[in-house]
């Protein structure tokens, strides 16, 4: 039995890793295709049918490029930085559930020694806290990259990224605190299950918290309109100016992996996660599979939203970025935690009766 559990855990870990890497590869293609559509041009369409082999061609290109290390960099830290960013991006997936419990058919239970499989790698009691801790560590990769490159543009990009991510960690964390207050748990699965009757987005604190969280994750992932750490018009490409070939690919993949992770977390915290709405197939063994489908649709929508915003809005000035974080989002986040507390104490039952 123990051996079966270990094998299942290893299989889930490897499967999640393959899924996220494949998803990141085709997310880059989707971004380039949507960017082409928005800008009235075709986008990648040469590598394979409809350009579907473009991610493979990009991967071969990055692997085949000559690895160049500039003479004046701090070599050890220069090489460690992209590894930190990629490691944090992968680790964050260890606590993100992709679905509920899948029940194994009876004729396979004796062979496998299991009756069900949970569609997640780990489910610690402090799941959302672990996720926040890992995302907080990711700033070290960017900061070290900017410092170790011994380049003024890289250093400025690293400083900007560090200040930006520290500033927006506060409203991001406080928006999650409101959800934790309402759900009474730090487990992502518990937060998901709490939304079976009503999604958090339909509560007052959840509605305000969603927009705070959404704004903060754009800053946390260094995406337009908050990509000040990579501003091409000011800093060449910012903290990774001196990086190329596979080292650059690690930063590139980590960014897209973080966007997919945040799309999953947004769906889990505010939009019911993998719950099946309207009681469809209630009690059926097919319901968990249908839940995975609904969850995937929500994640794809937010992944598309990242792309849409990037190719629609202009970049903010750095002072505007700081004003939004410290003078707008943090006060609203504190108010939202108070609102969540009042809602739980006095209005939750009344509010639930309105929607159920």
Protein backbone atom coordinates (compact mmCIF):
# COMPACT_ATOMS: atom_id res chain seq x y z
CA UNK A 1 0.00 0.00 0.00
CA UNK A 2 2.78 2.43 0.91
CA UNK A 3 4.59 1.60 -2.34
CA UNK A 4 1.40 2.25 -4.32
CA UNK A 5 0.95 5.63 -2.64
CA UNK A 6 4.56 6.60 -3.41
CA UNK A 7 4.20 5.53 -7.04
CA UNK A 8 0.95 7.48 -7.41
CA UNK A 9 2.56 10.56 -5.84
CA UNK A 10 5.53 10.30 -8.23
CA UNK A 11 3.20 9.81 -11.18
CA UNK A 12 1.15 12.88 -10.19
CA UNK A 13 4.30 14.97 -9.72
CA UNK A 14 5.71 14.02 -13.12
CA UNK A 15 2.32 14.49 -14.79
CA UNK A 16 1.86 17.96 -13.26
CA UNK A 17 5.37 18.90 -14.39
CA UNK A 18 4.71 17.77 -17.97
CA UNK A 19 1.30 19.48 -18.03
CA UNK A 20 2.63 22.83 -16.82
CA UNK A 21 5.65 22.81 -19.15
CA UNK A 22 3.46 21.92 -22.14
CA UNK A 23 0.93 24.52 -21.07
CA UNK A 24 3.64 27.19 -20.82
CA UNK A 25 5.00 26.31 -24.26
CA UNK A 26 1.63 26.70 -25.93
CA UNK A 27 0.76 29.73 -23.80
CA UNK A 28 3.66 31.52 -25.50
CA UNK A 29 2.22 30.53 -28.88
CA UNK A 30 -1.26 31.70 -27.83
CA UNK A 31 0.15 35.06 -26.75
CA UNK A 32 1.88 35.57 -30.09
CA UNK A 33 -1.24 34.50 -32.00
CA UNK A 34 -3.52 36.85 -30.01
CA UNK A 35 -0.97 39.66 -30.32
CA UNK A 36 -1.01 39.13 -34.08
CA UNK A 37 -4.80 39.21 -34.14
CA UNK A 38 -4.94 42.43 -32.09
CA UNK A 39 -2.29 44.05 -34.30
CA UNK A 40 -3.89 42.77 -37.53
CA UNK A 41 -1.05 40.42 -38.53
CA UNK A 42 -0.91 36.61 -38.79
CA UNK A 43 1.49 35.71 -35.98
CA UNK A 44 3.59 32.50 -36.09
CA UNK A 45 2.33 30.30 -38.94
CA UNK A 46 5.37 28.63 -40.51
CA UNK A 47 6.46 25.90 -38.08
CA UNK A 48 3.97 23.09 -38.66
CA UNK A 49 0.22 23.37 -39.38
CA UNK A 50 -1.11 26.72 -38.11
CA UNK A 51 2.28 27.26 -36.44
CA UNK A 52 1.61 24.58 -33.80
CA UNK A 53 5.24 23.42 -33.81
CA UNK A 54 6.52 26.92 -33.04
CA UNK A 55 7.03 26.19 -29.28
CA UNK A 56 9.13 23.15 -30.23
CA UNK A 57 11.17 25.27 -32.66
CA UNK A 58 11.68 27.91 -29.95
CA UNK A 59 12.81 25.25 -27.47
CA UNK A 60 15.35 23.83 -29.92
CA UNK A 61 16.57 27.36 -30.65
CA UNK A 62 17.16 28.14 -26.95
CA UNK A 63 18.94 24.82 -26.37
CA UNK A 64 21.12 25.15 -29.47
CA UNK A 65 22.21 28.74 -28.85
CA UNK A 66 25.74 29.33 -27.62
CA UNK A 67 25.87 29.90 -23.87
CA UNK A 68 27.71 33.19 -23.32
CA UNK A 69 28.66 34.48 -19.87
CA UNK A 70 29.78 38.14 -19.86
CA UNK A 71 33.25 38.74 -18.45
CA UNK A 72 32.31 41.10 -15.61
CA UNK A 73 29.38 39.23 -14.04
CA UNK A 74 29.45 37.53 -10.63
CA UNK A 75 29.38 34.11 -12.25
CA UNK A 76 27.93 31.93 -9.49
CA UNK A 77 25.06 34.28 -8.64
CA UNK A 78 24.53 35.03 -12.34
CA UNK A 79 23.88 31.34 -12.99
CA UNK A 80 21.87 30.75 -9.80
CA UNK A 81 19.35 33.57 -10.47
CA UNK A 82 17.34 31.95 -13.33
CA UNK A 83 17.38 28.64 -11.44
CA UNK A 84 15.74 30.34 -8.42
CA UNK A 85 13.00 31.87 -10.57
CA UNK A 86 12.24 28.59 -12.32
CA UNK A 87 12.36 26.53 -9.11
CA UNK A 88 9.88 28.84 -7.35
CA UNK A 89 7.57 28.76 -10.38
CA UNK A 90 7.55 24.93 -10.35
CA UNK A 91 7.23 24.60 -6.55
CA UNK A 92 4.14 26.80 -6.51
CA UNK A 93 2.32 24.11 -8.48
CA UNK A 94 2.82 21.55 -5.74
CA UNK A 95 -0.10 22.96 -3.71
CA UNK A 96 -2.46 23.97 -6.55
CA UNK A 97 -5.33 21.46 -6.97
CA UNK A 98 -6.55 20.83 -10.52
CA UNK A 99 -9.68 19.04 -9.44
CA UNK A 100 -11.39 17.03 -6.73
CA UNK A 101 -11.22 13.31 -5.99
CA UNK A 102 -11.39 10.89 -8.93
CA UNK A 103 -12.86 7.51 -7.93
CA UNK A 104 -11.17 4.46 -9.46
CA UNK A 105 -13.47 1.82 -11.04
CA UNK A 106 -13.91 -1.28 -8.89
CA UNK A 107 -12.20 -3.65 -11.35
CA UNK A 108 -8.98 -1.55 -11.06
CA UNK A 109 -9.04 -0.97 -7.30
CA UNK A 110 -7.53 -4.35 -6.38
CA UNK A 111 -4.78 -3.99 -8.99
CA UNK A 112 -3.84 -0.44 -7.95
CA UNK A 113 -4.48 -0.89 -4.24
CA UNK A 114 -6.34 2.46 -4.18
CA UNK A 115 -9.98 3.53 -4.31
CA UNK A 116 -9.47 7.16 -5.36
CA UNK A 117 -6.90 9.71 -6.53
CA UNK A 118 -6.80 13.38 -5.54
CA UNK A 119 -5.88 15.69 -8.42
CA UNK A 120 -3.18 17.56 -6.54
CA UNK A 121 0.40 16.83 -5.47
CA UNK A 122 0.20 18.13 -1.87
CA UNK A 123 -2.59 19.48 0.31
CA UNK A 124 -0.99 21.04 3.42
CA UNK A 125 -3.11 22.73 6.09
CA UNK A 126 -1.42 26.03 5.17
CA UNK A 127 -1.72 25.67 1.39
CA UNK A 128 -2.33 29.30 0.48
CA UNK A 129 0.37 30.38 2.94
CA UNK A 130 2.87 28.01 1.29
CA UNK A 131 1.93 29.45 -2.10
CA UNK A 132 2.48 33.02 -0.89
CA UNK A 133 5.83 32.07 0.68
CA UNK A 134 7.06 30.51 -2.56
CA UNK A 135 5.91 33.48 -4.65
CA UNK A 136 7.67 35.79 -2.20
CA UNK A 137 10.95 33.90 -2.70
CA UNK A 138 10.74 34.39 -6.48
CA UNK A 139 11.85 38.02 -6.10
CA UNK A 140 15.31 36.79 -5.10
CA UNK A 141 15.88 35.37 -8.58
CA UNK A 142 15.12 38.72 -10.21
CA UNK A 143 17.04 40.73 -7.60
CA UNK A 144 20.15 38.52 -7.87
CA UNK A 145 19.97 38.61 -11.69
CA UNK A 146 19.99 42.40 -11.69
CA UNK A 147 22.82 42.66 -9.16
CA UNK A 148 25.09 39.90 -10.49
CA UNK A 149 24.98 41.12 -14.11
CA UNK A 150 27.17 44.13 -13.21
CA UNK A 151 25.14 46.25 -15.63
CA UNK A 152 23.37 49.49 -14.74
CA UNK A 153 20.26 48.64 -16.75
CA UNK A 154 20.05 45.21 -15.14
CA UNK A 155 20.60 46.66 -11.67
CA UNK A 156 17.85 49.26 -12.16
CA UNK A 157 15.50 46.52 -13.40
CA UNK A 158 16.30 44.37 -10.37
CA UNK A 159 15.73 47.27 -7.96
CA UNK A 160 12.45 48.17 -9.64
CA UNK A 161 11.25 44.55 -9.57
CA UNK A 162 12.16 44.17 -5.89
CA UNK A 163 10.37 47.37 -4.82
CA UNK A 164 7.40 46.52 -7.01
CA UNK A 165 6.97 42.96 -5.78
CA UNK A 166 7.39 43.93 -2.11
CA UNK A 167 4.84 46.74 -2.53
CA UNK A 168 2.23 44.55 -4.20
CA UNK A 169 2.76 41.53 -1.92
CA UNK A 170 0.92 43.50 0.79
CA UNK A 171 -2.39 44.08 -1.04
CA UNK A 172 -2.13 40.61 -2.59
CA UNK A 173 -1.78 39.01 0.82
CA UNK A 174 -4.52 41.15 2.39
CA UNK A 175 -6.96 40.31 -0.41
CA UNK A 176 -6.33 36.63 0.36
CA UNK A 177 -6.76 37.27 4.10
CA UNK A 178 -10.35 38.37 3.42
CA UNK A 179 -11.02 35.05 1.66
CA UNK A 180 -9.37 33.10 4.50
CA UNK A 181 -11.54 34.96 7.02
CA UNK A 182 -14.67 33.98 5.10
CA UNK A 183 -13.68 30.35 4.54
CA UNK A 184 -12.06 29.72 7.93
CA UNK A 185 -9.23 27.71 6.38
CA UNK A 186 -5.87 28.11 4.65
CA UNK A 187 -6.32 24.95 2.56
CA UNK A 188 -7.04 25.67 -1.09
CA UNK A 189 -9.32 22.62 -1.24
CA UNK A 190 -11.35 23.91 1.73
CA UNK A 191 -11.62 27.37 0.15
CA UNK A 192 -12.83 25.66 -3.04
CA UNK A 193 -15.37 23.47 -1.21
CA UNK A 194 -16.74 26.47 0.72
CA UNK A 195 -17.93 27.92 -2.61
CA UNK A 196 -20.26 25.05 -3.53
CA UNK A 197 -23.30 27.14 -2.66
CA UNK A 198 -22.03 30.57 -3.77
CA UNK A 199 -18.80 31.81 -5.32
CA UNK A 200 -16.75 34.31 -3.32
CA UNK A 201 -16.97 36.86 -6.13
CA UNK A 202 -20.67 37.29 -5.26
CA UNK A 203 -19.91 38.37 -1.69
CA UNK A 204 -19.08 42.04 -0.92
CA UNK A 205 -15.57 41.30 0.38
CA UNK A 206 -14.92 38.80 -2.40
CA UNK A 207 -15.97 41.29 -5.08
CA UNK A 208 -13.64 44.04 -3.82
CA UNK A 209 -10.89 41.53 -3.03
CA UNK A 210 -11.00 40.13 -6.56
CA UNK A 211 -10.13 43.46 -8.19
CA UNK A 212 -7.35 44.07 -5.64
CA UNK A 213 -5.97 40.58 -6.22
CA UNK A 214 -6.25 40.90 -10.00
CA UNK A 215 -4.31 44.19 -10.03
CA UNK A 216 -1.65 42.82 -7.68
CA UNK A 217 -0.96 39.68 -9.71
CA UNK A 218 -0.16 41.77 -12.78
CA UNK A 219 2.53 43.54 -10.73
CA UNK A 220 3.71 40.28 -9.14
CA UNK A 221 4.21 38.62 -12.53
CA UNK A 222 5.84 41.72 -14.09
CA UNK A 223 3.23 41.97 -16.82
CA UNK A 224 2.06 45.06 -18.65
CA UNK A 225 0.91 47.59 -17.59
CA UNK A 226 3.23 46.84 -14.61
CA UNK A 227 6.34 45.53 -16.39
CA UNK A 228 8.56 48.36 -15.15
CA UNK A 229 11.34 45.88 -14.38
CA UNK A 230 11.65 45.08 -18.09
CA UNK A 231 10.68 48.42 -19.66
CA UNK A 232 12.28 48.19 -23.13
CA UNK A 233 12.11 51.93 -23.75
CA UNK A 234 14.07 52.65 -20.56
CA UNK A 235 16.14 49.62 -19.50
CA UNK A 236 16.82 47.57 -22.67
CA UNK A 237 15.06 44.52 -21.16
CA UNK A 238 15.80 45.22 -17.51
CA UNK A 239 17.03 42.60 -15.08
CA UNK A 240 17.71 39.93 -17.74
CA UNK A 241 19.58 42.20 -20.19
CA UNK A 242 22.76 40.09 -19.90
CA UNK A 243 20.97 36.74 -20.22
CA UNK A 244 20.61 34.68 -23.37
CA UNK A 245 20.05 31.13 -24.64
CA UNK A 246 18.74 28.66 -22.04
CA UNK A 247 19.32 31.02 -19.09
CA UNK A 248 16.92 33.53 -20.63
CA UNK A 249 14.48 30.71 -21.43
CA UNK A 250 14.27 29.88 -17.70
CA UNK A 251 13.18 33.46 -16.86
CA UNK A 252 10.79 33.38 -19.83
CA UNK A 253 9.18 30.07 -18.79
CA UNK A 254 8.97 31.12 -15.13
CA UNK A 255 6.96 34.23 -16.09
CA UNK A 256 4.45 32.24 -18.11
CA UNK A 257 4.28 29.51 -15.47
CA UNK A 258 3.50 32.13 -12.83
CA UNK A 259 0.71 33.55 -14.98
CA UNK A 260 -0.90 30.12 -15.31
CA UNK A 261 -0.49 29.54 -11.56
CA UNK A 262 -2.14 32.86 -10.75
CA UNK A 263 -4.96 32.10 -13.19
CA UNK A 264 -5.56 28.85 -11.27
CA UNK A 265 -5.44 30.60 -7.88
CA UNK A 266 -7.83 33.35 -9.06
CA UNK A 267 -10.32 30.67 -10.14
CA UNK A 268 -9.94 28.80 -6.84
CA UNK A 269 -10.25 31.83 -4.57
CA UNK A 270 -13.05 33.77 -6.25
CA UNK A 271 -14.81 31.75 -8.95
CA UNK A 272 -15.67 28.42 -7.38
CA UNK A 273 -12.58 26.54 -8.55
CA UNK A 274 -13.45 23.06 -9.78
CA UNK A 275 -16.96 23.02 -8.30
CA UNK A 276 -19.62 22.02 -10.82
CA UNK A 277 -22.36 24.69 -10.89
CA UNK A 278 -26.13 24.07 -10.63
CA UNK A 279 -25.63 20.58 -9.17
CA UNK A 280 -24.97 19.04 -12.60
CA UNK A 281 -24.31 15.26 -12.29
CA UNK A 282 -24.62 15.54 -8.50
CA UNK A 283 -23.47 12.26 -6.91
CA UNK A 284 -22.14 10.88 -10.18
CA UNK A 285 -18.58 9.61 -10.54
CA UNK A 286 -18.30 11.74 -13.67
CA UNK A 287 -18.81 14.96 -11.71
CA UNK A 288 -15.10 15.34 -10.70
CA UNK A 289 -14.08 15.05 -14.37
CA UNK A 290 -16.68 17.66 -15.32
CA UNK A 291 -15.30 19.86 -12.52
CA UNK A 292 -11.84 19.66 -14.08
CA UNK A 293 -13.38 20.86 -17.36
CA UNK A 294 -15.08 23.84 -15.71
CA UNK A 295 -11.87 24.70 -13.86
CA UNK A 296 -9.86 24.56 -17.09
CA UNK A 297 -12.30 26.96 -18.80
CA UNK A 298 -11.92 29.50 -15.96
CA UNK A 299 -8.12 29.20 -16.04
CA UNK A 300 -8.06 29.67 -19.82
CA UNK A 301 -10.19 32.81 -19.50
CA UNK A 302 -7.81 34.44 -17.00
CA UNK A 303 -4.79 33.30 -19.01
CA UNK A 304 -6.33 35.04 -22.03
CA UNK A 305 -7.04 38.10 -19.87
CA UNK A 306 -3.31 38.46 -19.14
CA UNK A 307 -2.65 38.56 -22.90
CA UNK A 308 -5.54 40.92 -23.64
CA UNK A 309 -4.40 43.47 -21.06
CA UNK A 310 -0.77 43.33 -22.21
CA UNK A 311 -1.64 44.24 -25.79
CA UNK A 312 -4.28 46.82 -24.83
CA UNK A 313 -3.04 49.06 -21.99
CA UNK A 314 0.07 51.29 -21.98
CA UNK A 315 2.76 51.00 -19.31
CA UNK A 316 2.39 53.07 -16.12
CA UNK A 317 5.13 55.39 -14.90
CA UNK A 318 7.04 54.06 -11.92
CA UNK A 319 5.69 56.71 -9.55
CA UNK A 320 2.16 55.85 -10.67
CA UNK A 321 2.87 52.18 -9.96
CA UNK A 322 3.93 52.97 -6.39
CA UNK A 323 0.97 55.31 -5.79
CA UNK A 324 -1.50 52.63 -6.92
CA UNK A 325 0.11 50.07 -4.61
CA UNK A 326 0.65 52.08 -1.43
CA UNK A 327 -2.04 54.78 -1.56
CA UNK A 328 -4.88 52.91 -3.27
CA UNK A 329 -4.68 49.14 -2.97
CA UNK A 330 -3.35 48.82 0.59
CA UNK A 331 -6.05 51.06 2.20
CA UNK A 332 -8.74 49.25 0.19
CA UNK A 333 -7.27 45.89 1.21
CA UNK A 334 -7.41 46.79 4.90
CA UNK A 335 -10.99 47.98 4.49
CA UNK A 336 -11.81 44.71 2.71
CA UNK A 337 -10.49 42.61 5.60
CA UNK A 338 -12.74 44.61 7.96
CA UNK A 339 -15.65 44.13 5.55
CA UNK A 340 -15.04 40.36 5.44
CA UNK A 341 -15.05 40.23 9.24
CA UNK A 342 -18.32 42.17 9.51
CA UNK A 343 -19.85 40.00 6.78
CA UNK A 344 -18.95 36.78 8.65
CA UNK A 345 -20.20 38.08 12.00
CA UNK A 346 -23.51 39.60 10.98
CA UNK A 347 -24.57 39.11 7.37
CA UNK A 348 -23.37 35.76 5.98
CA UNK A 349 -26.56 33.78 6.68
CA UNK A 350 -28.76 36.56 5.27
CA UNK A 351 -26.56 36.89 2.19
CA UNK A 352 -26.55 33.12 1.56
CA UNK A 353 -30.35 33.03 1.77
CA UNK A 354 -30.54 35.64 -1.00
CA UNK A 355 -28.57 33.39 -3.38
CA UNK A 356 -29.79 29.94 -2.31
